[in-house]
Amino acid sequence: MPVEDTKDNLNICMDYCGTCPSLPFPTNPMLFCARGSSPEKIEKKGCKCPTCPVHEKHKLKGFYFCDSGKAP
């Protein structure tokens, strides 16, 4: 099921992505699983996506959506 680009999902995501070790910069737009990959270069230093309630709610497979883009 695709992730909806909603304010509620964004707020949940910001609690998780905001402290992600792979995002050492203030990032926008976040909610990469719904919006697509970051325009910034990502240094993979760990991924918090699998512990995010949005990931769990939508039963997403995979992680590092900041690098790989929208969740299928």
Protein backbone atom coordinates (compact mmCIF):
# COMPACT_ATOMS: atom_id res chain seq x y z
CA MET A 1 0.00 0.00 0.00
CA PRO A 2 1.54 3.37 -0.98
CA VAL A 3 2.36 5.82 1.79
CA GLU A 4 0.12 8.87 1.81
CA ASP A 5 1.81 12.27 1.81
CA THR A 6 -0.11 13.66 4.78
CA LYS A 7 0.71 16.07 7.59
CA ASP A 8 0.23 13.27 10.14
CA ASN A 9 2.69 10.99 8.34
CA LEU A 10 5.15 13.87 7.96
CA ASN A 11 5.02 14.63 11.69
CA ILE A 12 5.64 10.97 12.53
CA CYS A 13 8.50 10.85 10.04
CA MET A 14 10.13 14.01 11.39
CA ASP A 15 10.39 12.36 14.82
CA TYR A 16 12.38 9.52 13.23
CA CYS A 17 14.23 11.02 10.26
CA GLY A 18 15.19 14.09 12.25
CA THR A 19 17.70 12.02 14.21
CA CYS A 20 18.74 9.62 11.44
CA PRO A 21 22.53 9.08 11.30
CA SER A 22 22.45 9.09 7.48
CA LEU A 23 20.96 12.59 7.36
CA PRO A 24 23.63 14.85 8.89
CA PHE A 25 21.96 18.00 7.54
CA PRO A 26 18.61 19.69 8.03
CA THR A 27 16.56 17.98 5.38
CA ASN A 28 13.49 18.81 3.46
CA PRO A 29 11.09 17.31 2.32
CA MET A 30 11.48 14.22 4.57
CA LEU A 31 8.84 11.48 4.30
CA PHE A 32 11.03 9.93 1.63
CA CYS A 33 8.94 6.74 1.53
CA ALA A 34 6.08 8.83 0.09
CA ARG A 35 7.88 11.72 -1.63
CA GLY A 36 10.96 10.13 -3.12
CA SER A 37 14.70 10.32 -2.55
CA SER A 38 16.61 13.23 -1.10
CA PRO A 39 18.28 15.64 -3.51
CA GLU A 40 21.34 15.48 -1.22
CA LYS A 41 24.03 12.79 -1.31
CA ILE A 42 23.32 10.19 1.35
CA GLU A 43 26.12 8.57 3.35
CA LYS A 44 24.65 5.33 4.63
CA LYS A 45 25.44 5.28 8.35
CA GLY A 46 22.31 3.52 9.56
CA CYS A 47 18.60 3.69 8.78
CA LYS A 48 15.73 4.31 11.17
CA CYS A 49 12.96 3.64 8.63
CA PRO A 50 12.21 0.08 9.82
CA THR A 51 11.35 1.37 13.33
CA CYS A 52 9.10 4.18 12.08
CA PRO A 53 5.35 3.77 12.69
CA VAL A 54 4.69 4.81 9.07
CA HIS A 55 6.90 1.91 7.89
CA GLU A 56 5.10 -0.49 10.20
CA LYS A 57 1.58 0.76 9.38
CA HIS A 58 2.12 0.35 5.64
CA LYS A 59 4.07 -2.91 5.99
CA LEU A 60 6.87 -1.48 3.89
CA LYS A 61 9.73 -3.58 2.65
CA GLY A 62 13.19 -2.08 2.52
CA PHE A 63 14.79 1.01 3.96
CA TYR A 64 17.02 3.99 3.02
CA PHE A 65 14.12 5.59 1.15
CA CYS A 66 16.13 8.84 1.38
CA ASP A 67 18.51 7.21 -1.11
CA SER A 68 16.38 4.70 -3.03
CA GLY A 69 13.20 6.75 -3.39
CA LYS A 70 9.52 6.08 -2.78
CA ALA A 71 8.42 2.83 -1.24
CA PRO A 72 6.88 0.43 -3.78
